[in-house]
């Protein structure tokens, strides 16, 4: 079993974000040459974009690195509106998606 995100970094990353209460940390990788952090998480289901973005910002503030987050879920169930939100933000950040 992975370590719970709420225990990771003494709980500073998930504090106040209820959707991450039972999320497990599967892997953390740091790429020094790129100053980049990759974190793989496991959750029962998808999380909202706002919670994802808040976590990404907290990890960035904590590490001062570029952040990639992969969330593996036991089941899907994201709404069309939430999917659209993810895609719109991704397209605005990654111009090559347009």
C-alpha atoms as a PDB file:
ATOM      1  CA  UNK A   1       0.000   0.000   0.000  1.00  0.00           C
ATOM      2  CA  UNK A   2       1.165   3.483  -0.774  1.00  0.00           C
ATOM      3  CA  UNK A   3       1.552   6.182   1.786  1.00  0.00           C
ATOM      4  CA  UNK A   4      -1.453   8.469   2.220  1.00  0.00           C
ATOM      5  CA  UNK A   5      -1.068  11.910   0.678  1.00  0.00           C
ATOM      6  CA  UNK A   6      -2.310  13.473   3.910  1.00  0.00           C
ATOM      7  CA  UNK A   7       0.743  11.938   5.643  1.00  0.00           C
ATOM      8  CA  UNK A   8       3.131  12.917   2.849  1.00  0.00           C
ATOM      9  CA  UNK A   9       5.138  16.055   3.611  1.00  0.00           C
ATOM     10  CA  UNK A  10       3.549  16.108   7.073  1.00  0.00           C
ATOM     11  CA  UNK A  11       0.121  16.736   5.572  1.00  0.00           C
ATOM     12  CA  UNK A  12       1.033  20.147   4.181  1.00  0.00           C
ATOM     13  CA  UNK A  13       0.068  19.192   0.627  1.00  0.00           C
ATOM     14  CA  UNK A  14      -3.452  17.927   1.211  1.00  0.00           C
ATOM     15  CA  UNK A  15      -4.525  19.999   4.230  1.00  0.00           C
ATOM     16  CA  UNK A  16      -7.981  21.435   3.616  1.00  0.00           C
ATOM     17  CA  UNK A  17      -8.654  19.436   0.431  1.00  0.00           C
ATOM     18  CA  UNK A  18     -11.217  16.787   1.391  1.00  0.00           C
ATOM     19  CA  UNK A  19     -10.977  14.977  -1.971  1.00  0.00           C
ATOM     20  CA  UNK A  20      -7.435  13.888  -1.092  1.00  0.00           C
ATOM     21  CA  UNK A  21      -8.283  12.478   2.336  1.00  0.00           C
ATOM     22  CA  UNK A  22      -7.801   8.835   1.253  1.00  0.00           C
ATOM     23  CA  UNK A  23      -5.477   9.384  -1.714  1.00  0.00           C
ATOM     24  CA  UNK A  24      -2.351   7.243  -1.702  1.00  0.00           C
ATOM     25  CA  UNK A  25       1.067   8.224  -3.024  1.00  0.00           C
ATOM     26  CA  UNK A  26       2.230   5.555  -5.471  1.00  0.00           C
ATOM     27  CA  UNK A  27       5.485   7.179  -6.594  1.00  0.00           C
ATOM     28  CA  UNK A  28       7.449  10.393  -6.444  1.00  0.00           C
ATOM     29  CA  UNK A  29      10.258  11.108  -8.875  1.00  0.00           C
ATOM     30  CA  UNK A  30      12.516  14.151  -8.982  1.00  0.00           C
ATOM     31  CA  UNK A  31      14.467  15.036 -12.105  1.00  0.00           C
ATOM     32  CA  UNK A  32      17.245  17.346 -10.951  1.00  0.00           C
ATOM     33  CA  UNK A  33      18.489  18.264 -14.438  1.00  0.00           C
ATOM     34  CA  UNK A  34      14.974  19.424 -15.435  1.00  0.00           C
ATOM     35  CA  UNK A  35      13.963  20.701 -11.973  1.00  0.00           C
ATOM     36  CA  UNK A  36      10.794  18.650 -12.345  1.00  0.00           C
ATOM     37  CA  UNK A  37       8.711  16.538  -9.951  1.00  0.00           C
ATOM     38  CA  UNK A  38       6.447  13.696 -11.054  1.00  0.00           C
ATOM     39  CA  UNK A  39       4.000  12.323  -8.525  1.00  0.00           C
ATOM     40  CA  UNK A  40       1.707   9.340  -9.089  1.00  0.00           C
ATOM     41  CA  UNK A  41      -1.360   9.072  -6.870  1.00  0.00           C
ATOM     42  CA  UNK A  42      -4.109   6.509  -6.395  1.00  0.00           C
ATOM     43  CA  UNK A  43      -7.661   7.587  -5.598  1.00  0.00           C
ATOM     44  CA  UNK A  44     -11.035   5.867  -5.588  1.00  0.00           C
ATOM     45  CA  UNK A  45     -12.335   8.182  -8.309  1.00  0.00           C
ATOM     46  CA  UNK A  46     -11.544  11.327 -10.265  1.00  0.00           C
ATOM     47  CA  UNK A  47     -11.008  14.622  -8.477  1.00  0.00           C
ATOM     48  CA  UNK A  48     -12.240  18.052  -9.465  1.00  0.00           C
ATOM     49  CA  UNK A  49      -9.979  20.272 -11.518  1.00  0.00           C
ATOM     50  CA  UNK A  50      -9.910  22.885  -8.755  1.00  0.00           C
ATOM     51  CA  UNK A  51      -8.577  20.350  -6.229  1.00  0.00           C
ATOM     52  CA  UNK A  52      -6.062  19.023  -8.766  1.00  0.00           C
ATOM     53  CA  UNK A  53      -4.853  22.531  -9.531  1.00  0.00           C
ATOM     54  CA  UNK A  54      -4.607  23.421  -5.835  1.00  0.00           C
ATOM     55  CA  UNK A  55      -2.480  20.331  -5.192  1.00  0.00           C
ATOM     56  CA  UNK A  56      -0.267  21.093  -8.207  1.00  0.00           C
ATOM     57  CA  UNK A  57       0.274  24.649  -6.946  1.00  0.00           C
ATOM     58  CA  UNK A  58       1.118  23.427  -3.428  1.00  0.00           C
ATOM     59  CA  UNK A  59       3.658  20.930  -4.754  1.00  0.00           C
ATOM     60  CA  UNK A  60       5.166  23.649  -6.938  1.00  0.00           C
ATOM     61  CA  UNK A  61       5.387  26.054  -3.986  1.00  0.00           C
ATOM     62  CA  UNK A  62       6.911  23.310  -1.824  1.00  0.00           C
ATOM     63  CA  UNK A  63       9.512  22.140  -4.365  1.00  0.00           C
ATOM     64  CA  UNK A  64       9.984  25.212  -6.611  1.00  0.00           C
ATOM     65  CA  UNK A  65       9.889  22.755  -9.520  1.00  0.00           C
ATOM     66  CA  UNK A  66       7.712  22.016 -12.515  1.00  0.00           C
ATOM     67  CA  UNK A  67       5.056  19.498 -11.448  1.00  0.00           C
ATOM     68  CA  UNK A  68       3.397  16.563 -13.210  1.00  0.00           C
ATOM     69  CA  UNK A  69       0.643  14.675 -11.400  1.00  0.00           C
ATOM     70  CA  UNK A  70      -0.795  11.340 -12.505  1.00  0.00           C
ATOM     71  CA  UNK A  71      -3.917  10.158 -10.695  1.00  0.00           C
ATOM     72  CA  UNK A  72      -4.890   6.500 -11.077  1.00  0.00           C
ATOM     73  CA  UNK A  73      -8.520   5.811 -10.141  1.00  0.00           C
ATOM     74  CA  UNK A  74     -10.496   2.691  -9.296  1.00  0.00           C
ATOM     75  CA  UNK A  75     -13.466   4.002 -11.279  1.00  0.00           C
ATOM     76  CA  UNK A  76     -14.254   6.830 -13.634  1.00  0.00           C
ATOM     77  CA  UNK A  77     -17.194   9.144 -13.383  1.00  0.00           C
ATOM     78  CA  UNK A  78     -16.045  12.629 -14.272  1.00  0.00           C
ATOM     79  CA  UNK A  79     -18.806  14.904 -15.520  1.00  0.00           C
ATOM     80  CA  UNK A  80     -18.725  16.425 -18.995  1.00  0.00           C
ATOM     81  CA  UNK A  81     -18.484  19.889 -17.437  1.00  0.00           C
ATOM     82  CA  UNK A  82     -15.465  18.870 -15.347  1.00  0.00           C
ATOM     83  CA  UNK A  83     -13.815  17.233 -18.372  1.00  0.00           C
ATOM     84  CA  UNK A  84     -14.383  20.400 -20.386  1.00  0.00           C
ATOM     85  CA  UNK A  85     -12.791  22.433 -17.586  1.00  0.00           C
ATOM     86  CA  UNK A  86      -9.679  20.201 -17.606  1.00  0.00           C
ATOM     87  CA  UNK A  87      -9.398  20.412 -21.397  1.00  0.00           C
ATOM     88  CA  UNK A  88      -9.877  24.179 -21.555  1.00  0.00           C
ATOM     89  CA  UNK A  89      -7.195  24.807 -18.946  1.00  0.00           C
ATOM     90  CA  UNK A  90      -4.841  22.296 -20.566  1.00  0.00           C
ATOM     91  CA  UNK A  91      -5.319  23.939 -23.946  1.00  0.00           C
ATOM     92  CA  UNK A  92      -4.591  27.383 -22.511  1.00  0.00           C
ATOM     93  CA  UNK A  93      -1.400  26.140 -20.823  1.00  0.00           C
ATOM     94  CA  UNK A  94      -0.193  23.872 -23.626  1.00  0.00           C
ATOM     95  CA  UNK A  95      -0.604  25.855 -26.831  1.00  0.00           C
ATOM     96  CA  UNK A  96       0.283  22.808 -28.942  1.00  0.00           C
ATOM     97  CA  UNK A  97      -3.084  21.235 -27.983  1.00  0.00           C
ATOM     98  CA  UNK A  98      -5.054  23.937 -29.780  1.00  0.00           C
END
